[in-house]
Amino acid sequence: MSIEKEGQVKADVTMKKERYRGGTYTRMKGLSVIRGFELDDADQIVAILELNNQYGFPEVDGPEAMRRVKACNAAVFLVFEMDGKVVGVIRGNYDGSRAMIHQLSVHPAYQRRGIGRAMVEEIVKKLEGMGAPTVSATITDRSFLFFQKVGFRKMDVFLVGNW
């Protein structure tokens, strides 16, 4: 298991910092942790994405893509694990100039518990730690209010694709 370095997880839960293989992580409610993605997490992440109607492009979001993202030094790929089960995922990257959150998804049964906010705060901290002066996110109309609540603002740009 790969544990990311200490993160500031601010959610409406009890937090406790612990050591693990030379790093630290934040444990929430005794059995929850935000940690780095592992290949064994792929099936659980696909299930969460499918439940949230976010799995439209397996070549971009599927297990093989997850393996490529994990291998990319510019990427930050985190999961929220609760009671041994992955219930949330967030990923983004920093290219040396701009940082972008590309994906955030929380299992519907675990939404509105502070998990999404905690994951956004953690990835922002990690991207800023890599040198990113700002962090942007690719979002949908459905997720705009959430991102606005966690401190993002709408910009006059939009995403285009070649698929």
C-alpha atoms as a PDB file:
ATOM      1  CA  MET A   1       0.000   0.000   0.000  1.00  0.00           C
ATOM      2  CA  SER A   2       1.305   3.424  -0.956  1.00  0.00           C
ATOM      3  CA  ILE A   3       0.438   6.199   1.483  1.00  0.00           C
ATOM      4  CA  GLU A   4       0.876   9.814   0.433  1.00  0.00           C
ATOM      5  CA  LYS A   5       2.666  12.280   2.716  1.00  0.00           C
ATOM      6  CA  GLU A   6       0.682  14.069   5.406  1.00  0.00           C
ATOM      7  CA  GLY A   7      -2.371  15.966   4.165  1.00  0.00           C
ATOM      8  CA  GLN A   8      -4.698  18.451   5.777  1.00  0.00           C
ATOM      9  CA  VAL A   9      -8.093  16.847   5.625  1.00  0.00           C
ATOM     10  CA  LYS A  10     -10.751  19.251   6.857  1.00  0.00           C
ATOM     11  CA  ALA A  11     -14.088  17.534   7.079  1.00  0.00           C
ATOM     12  CA  ASP A  12     -16.729  17.182   9.738  1.00  0.00           C
ATOM     13  CA  VAL A  13     -15.062  14.081  11.158  1.00  0.00           C
ATOM     14  CA  THR A  14     -12.591  13.128  13.858  1.00  0.00           C
ATOM     15  CA  MET A  15      -8.993  13.240  12.614  1.00  0.00           C
ATOM     16  CA  LYS A  16      -5.876  11.512  13.867  1.00  0.00           C
ATOM     17  CA  LYS A  17      -2.385  11.679  12.336  1.00  0.00           C
ATOM     18  CA  GLU A  18      -0.435   8.409  12.217  1.00  0.00           C
ATOM     19  CA  ARG A  19       2.884   7.163  10.820  1.00  0.00           C
ATOM     20  CA  TYR A  20       3.032   4.573   8.062  1.00  0.00           C
ATOM     21  CA  ARG A  21       6.178   3.297   6.308  1.00  0.00           C
ATOM     22  CA  GLY A  22       8.072   6.508   6.848  1.00  0.00           C
ATOM     23  CA  GLY A  23       5.199   8.820   5.882  1.00  0.00           C
ATOM     24  CA  THR A  24       2.143  10.110   7.643  1.00  0.00           C
ATOM     25  CA  TYR A  25      -1.495  10.014   6.743  1.00  0.00           C
ATOM     26  CA  THR A  26      -4.688  11.305   8.234  1.00  0.00           C
ATOM     27  CA  ARG A  27      -7.125   8.726   9.508  1.00  0.00           C
ATOM     28  CA  MET A  28     -10.756   9.773   9.884  1.00  0.00           C
ATOM     29  CA  LYS A  29     -13.196   8.130  12.285  1.00  0.00           C
ATOM     30  CA  GLY A  30     -10.521   5.525  12.942  1.00  0.00           C
ATOM     31  CA  LEU A  31     -11.142   3.599   9.707  1.00  0.00           C
ATOM     32  CA  SER A  32     -10.953   6.207   6.915  1.00  0.00           C
ATOM     33  CA  VAL A  33      -7.969   7.544   4.996  1.00  0.00           C
ATOM     34  CA  ILE A  34      -7.108   9.566   1.904  1.00  0.00           C
ATOM     35  CA  ARG A  35      -4.262   7.720   0.207  1.00  0.00           C
ATOM     36  CA  GLY A  36      -2.573   7.226  -3.121  1.00  0.00           C
ATOM     37  CA  PHE A  37      -4.286   5.097  -5.765  1.00  0.00           C
ATOM     38  CA  GLU A  38      -3.256   1.443  -6.007  1.00  0.00           C
ATOM     39  CA  LEU A  39      -3.919  -0.791  -9.016  1.00  0.00           C
ATOM     40  CA  ASP A  40      -6.221  -2.976  -6.905  1.00  0.00           C
ATOM     41  CA  ASP A  41      -8.544   0.047  -6.499  1.00  0.00           C
ATOM     42  CA  ALA A  42      -9.466   0.164 -10.206  1.00  0.00           C
ATOM     43  CA  ASP A  43     -12.628  -1.987 -10.094  1.00  0.00           C
ATOM     44  CA  GLN A  44     -14.048  -0.077  -7.131  1.00  0.00           C
ATOM     45  CA  ILE A  45     -13.349   3.239  -8.877  1.00  0.00           C
ATOM     46  CA  VAL A  46     -15.033   2.083 -12.097  1.00  0.00           C
ATOM     47  CA  ALA A  47     -18.105   1.117 -10.035  1.00  0.00           C
ATOM     48  CA  ILE A  48     -18.225   4.580  -8.399  1.00  0.00           C
ATOM     49  CA  LEU A  49     -17.833   6.327 -11.758  1.00  0.00           C
ATOM     50  CA  GLU A  50     -20.616   4.190 -13.252  1.00  0.00           C
ATOM     51  CA  LEU A  51     -22.958   4.947 -10.327  1.00  0.00           C
ATOM     52  CA  ASN A  52     -22.351   8.680 -10.874  1.00  0.00           C
ATOM     53  CA  ASN A  53     -22.701   8.479 -14.672  1.00  0.00           C
ATOM     54  CA  GLN A  54     -19.052   9.519 -15.058  1.00  0.00           C
ATOM     55  CA  TYR A  55     -17.756   6.476 -16.944  1.00  0.00           C
ATOM     56  CA  GLY A  56     -18.482   7.494 -20.513  1.00  0.00           C
ATOM     57  CA  PHE A  57     -14.931   7.094 -21.833  1.00  0.00           C
ATOM     58  CA  PRO A  58     -13.216   3.900 -20.576  1.00  0.00           C
ATOM     59  CA  GLU A  59     -10.133   4.742 -22.654  1.00  0.00           C
ATOM     60  CA  VAL A  60      -9.729   7.871 -20.483  1.00  0.00           C
ATOM     61  CA  ASP A  61     -11.164   6.665 -17.149  1.00  0.00           C
ATOM     62  CA  GLY A  62     -10.820   2.866 -17.258  1.00  0.00           C
ATOM     63  CA  PRO A  63      -8.332   0.555 -15.520  1.00  0.00           C
ATOM     64  CA  GLU A  64      -5.671   0.862 -18.247  1.00  0.00           C
ATOM     65  CA  ALA A  65      -5.897   4.661 -18.106  1.00  0.00           C
ATOM     66  CA  MET A  66      -5.638   4.467 -14.307  1.00  0.00           C
ATOM     67  CA  ARG A  67      -2.405   2.476 -14.649  1.00  0.00           C
ATOM     68  CA  ARG A  68      -0.984   5.159 -16.955  1.00  0.00           C
ATOM     69  CA  VAL A  69      -1.997   7.961 -14.571  1.00  0.00           C
ATOM     70  CA  LYS A  70      -0.413   6.143 -11.628  1.00  0.00           C
ATOM     71  CA  ALA A  71       2.866   5.933 -13.563  1.00  0.00           C
ATOM     72  CA  CYS A  72       2.824   9.645 -14.466  1.00  0.00           C
ATOM     73  CA  ASN A  73       5.034  11.813 -12.245  1.00  0.00           C
ATOM     74  CA  ALA A  74       2.931  14.901 -12.986  1.00  0.00           C
ATOM     75  CA  ALA A  75      -0.255  13.234 -11.705  1.00  0.00           C
ATOM     76  CA  VAL A  76      -1.806  13.182  -8.256  1.00  0.00           C
ATOM     77  CA  PHE A  77      -4.249  10.265  -7.964  1.00  0.00           C
ATOM     78  CA  LEU A  78      -5.949   9.836  -4.585  1.00  0.00           C
ATOM     79  CA  VAL A  79      -8.703   7.668  -3.153  1.00  0.00           C
ATOM     80  CA  PHE A  80     -10.798   8.011  -0.031  1.00  0.00           C
ATOM     81  CA  GLU A  81     -10.964   4.673   1.742  1.00  0.00           C
ATOM     82  CA  MET A  82     -13.529   3.965   4.446  1.00  0.00           C
ATOM     83  CA  ASP A  83     -13.605   0.666   6.324  1.00  0.00           C
ATOM     84  CA  GLY A  84     -11.341  -0.898   3.678  1.00  0.00           C
ATOM     85  CA  LYS A  85     -13.589   0.178   0.787  1.00  0.00           C
ATOM     86  CA  VAL A  86     -12.791   2.890  -1.755  1.00  0.00           C
ATOM     87  CA  VAL A  87     -15.681   5.396  -1.644  1.00  0.00           C
ATOM     88  CA  GLY A  88     -14.131   8.361  -3.439  1.00  0.00           C
ATOM     89  CA  VAL A  89     -11.555   9.242  -6.068  1.00  0.00           C
ATOM     90  CA  ILE A  90      -9.858  12.423  -7.226  1.00  0.00           C
ATOM     91  CA  ARG A  91      -7.112  12.947  -9.763  1.00  0.00           C
ATOM     92  CA  GLY A  92      -5.303  15.851 -11.287  1.00  0.00           C
ATOM     93  CA  ASN A  93      -1.917  16.938 -12.559  1.00  0.00           C
ATOM     94  CA  TYR A  94       0.578  19.767 -12.589  1.00  0.00           C
ATOM     95  CA  ASP A  95       2.531  20.304 -15.809  1.00  0.00           C
ATOM     96  CA  GLY A  96       4.979  22.850 -14.408  1.00  0.00           C
ATOM     97  CA  SER A  97       2.711  25.775 -15.280  1.00  0.00           C
ATOM     98  CA  ARG A  98      -0.909  24.864 -14.597  1.00  0.00           C
ATOM     99  CA  ALA A  99      -2.565  22.451 -12.219  1.00  0.00           C
ATOM    100  CA  MET A 100      -5.872  20.859 -13.110  1.00  0.00           C
ATOM    101  CA  ILE A 101      -8.258  18.560 -11.249  1.00  0.00           C
ATOM    102  CA  HIS A 102      -9.630  16.229 -13.892  1.00  0.00           C
ATOM    103  CA  GLN A 103     -11.894  13.954 -11.903  1.00  0.00           C
ATOM    104  CA  LEU A 104     -13.746  13.843  -8.593  1.00  0.00           C
ATOM    105  CA  SER A 105     -16.293  11.187  -7.743  1.00  0.00           C
ATOM    106  CA  VAL A 106     -17.791  10.008  -4.451  1.00  0.00           C
ATOM    107  CA  HIS A 107     -19.973   6.918  -4.106  1.00  0.00           C
ATOM    108  CA  PRO A 108     -23.606   8.122  -3.914  1.00  0.00           C
ATOM    109  CA  ALA A 109     -24.153   6.396  -0.551  1.00  0.00           C
ATOM    110  CA  TYR A 110     -21.273   8.429   0.934  1.00  0.00           C
ATOM    111  CA  GLN A 111     -21.992  11.863  -0.526  1.00  0.00           C
ATOM    112  CA  ARG A 112     -22.702  14.920   1.658  1.00  0.00           C
ATOM    113  CA  ARG A 113     -20.341  13.726   4.405  1.00  0.00           C
ATOM    114  CA  GLY A 114     -17.395  16.004   3.647  1.00  0.00           C
ATOM    115  CA  ILE A 115     -15.505  13.400   1.601  1.00  0.00           C
ATOM    116  CA  GLY A 116     -15.469  15.410  -1.638  1.00  0.00           C
ATOM    117  CA  ARG A 117     -14.378  18.566   0.188  1.00  0.00           C
ATOM    118  CA  ALA A 118     -11.630  16.687   2.025  1.00  0.00           C
ATOM    119  CA  MET A 119     -10.356  15.186  -1.223  1.00  0.00           C
ATOM    120  CA  VAL A 120     -10.352  18.562  -3.029  1.00  0.00           C
ATOM    121  CA  GLU A 121      -8.481  20.189  -0.144  1.00  0.00           C
ATOM    122  CA  GLU A 122      -5.944  17.360  -0.109  1.00  0.00           C
ATOM    123  CA  ILE A 123      -5.242  17.400  -3.859  1.00  0.00           C
ATOM    124  CA  VAL A 124      -4.983  21.204  -3.878  1.00  0.00           C
ATOM    125  CA  LYS A 125      -2.424  20.973  -1.082  1.00  0.00           C
ATOM    126  CA  LYS A 126      -0.440  18.356  -2.993  1.00  0.00           C
ATOM    127  CA  LEU A 127      -0.550  20.267  -6.289  1.00  0.00           C
ATOM    128  CA  GLU A 128       0.521  23.473  -4.550  1.00  0.00           C
ATOM    129  CA  GLY A 129       3.298  21.463  -2.889  1.00  0.00           C
ATOM    130  CA  MET A 130       4.504  20.519  -6.382  1.00  0.00           C
ATOM    131  CA  GLY A 131       4.759  24.244  -7.187  1.00  0.00           C
ATOM    132  CA  ALA A 132       1.379  24.999  -8.752  1.00  0.00           C
ATOM    133  CA  PRO A 133       0.506  28.686  -8.307  1.00  0.00           C
ATOM    134  CA  THR A 134      -3.206  27.978  -8.925  1.00  0.00           C
ATOM    135  CA  VAL A 135      -5.476  24.970  -9.348  1.00  0.00           C
ATOM    136  CA  SER A 136      -8.365  24.719 -11.817  1.00  0.00           C
ATOM    137  CA  ALA A 137     -10.895  21.927 -12.341  1.00  0.00           C
ATOM    138  CA  THR A 138     -12.774  20.444 -15.271  1.00  0.00           C
ATOM    139  CA  ILE A 139     -16.367  20.164 -14.063  1.00  0.00           C
ATOM    140  CA  THR A 140     -19.943  19.776 -15.213  1.00  0.00           C
ATOM    141  CA  ASP A 141     -22.953  21.996 -14.607  1.00  0.00           C
ATOM    142  CA  ARG A 142     -24.052  19.413 -12.032  1.00  0.00           C
ATOM    143  CA  SER A 143     -20.854  19.792  -9.989  1.00  0.00           C
ATOM    144  CA  PHE A 144     -20.456  23.571 -10.308  1.00  0.00           C
ATOM    145  CA  LEU A 145     -22.163  24.452  -7.006  1.00  0.00           C
ATOM    146  CA  PHE A 146     -19.994  21.979  -5.115  1.00  0.00           C
ATOM    147  CA  PHE A 147     -16.786  23.440  -6.529  1.00  0.00           C
ATOM    148  CA  GLN A 148     -18.044  26.952  -5.838  1.00  0.00           C
ATOM    149  CA  LYS A 149     -18.608  25.978  -2.176  1.00  0.00           C
ATOM    150  CA  VAL A 150     -15.023  24.730  -1.870  1.00  0.00           C
ATOM    151  CA  GLY A 151     -13.568  27.999  -3.190  1.00  0.00           C
ATOM    152  CA  PHE A 152     -13.438  27.692  -6.978  1.00  0.00           C
ATOM    153  CA  ARG A 153     -14.943  30.317  -9.270  1.00  0.00           C
ATOM    154  CA  LYS A 154     -16.250  30.151 -12.810  1.00  0.00           C
ATOM    155  CA  MET A 155     -13.860  31.236 -15.541  1.00  0.00           C
ATOM    156  CA  ASP A 156     -14.547  32.277 -19.128  1.00  0.00           C
ATOM    157  CA  VAL A 157     -13.003  29.132 -20.662  1.00  0.00           C
ATOM    158  CA  PHE A 158     -14.470  25.779 -21.598  1.00  0.00           C
ATOM    159  CA  LEU A 159     -13.289  22.287 -22.446  1.00  0.00           C
ATOM    160  CA  VAL A 160     -13.228  20.932 -25.994  1.00  0.00           C
ATOM    161  CA  GLY A 161     -12.328  17.428 -27.105  1.00  0.00           C
ATOM    162  CA  ASN A 162     -11.388  15.489 -30.213  1.00  0.00           C
ATOM    163  CA  TRP A 163     -13.412  12.365 -29.542  1.00  0.00           C
END
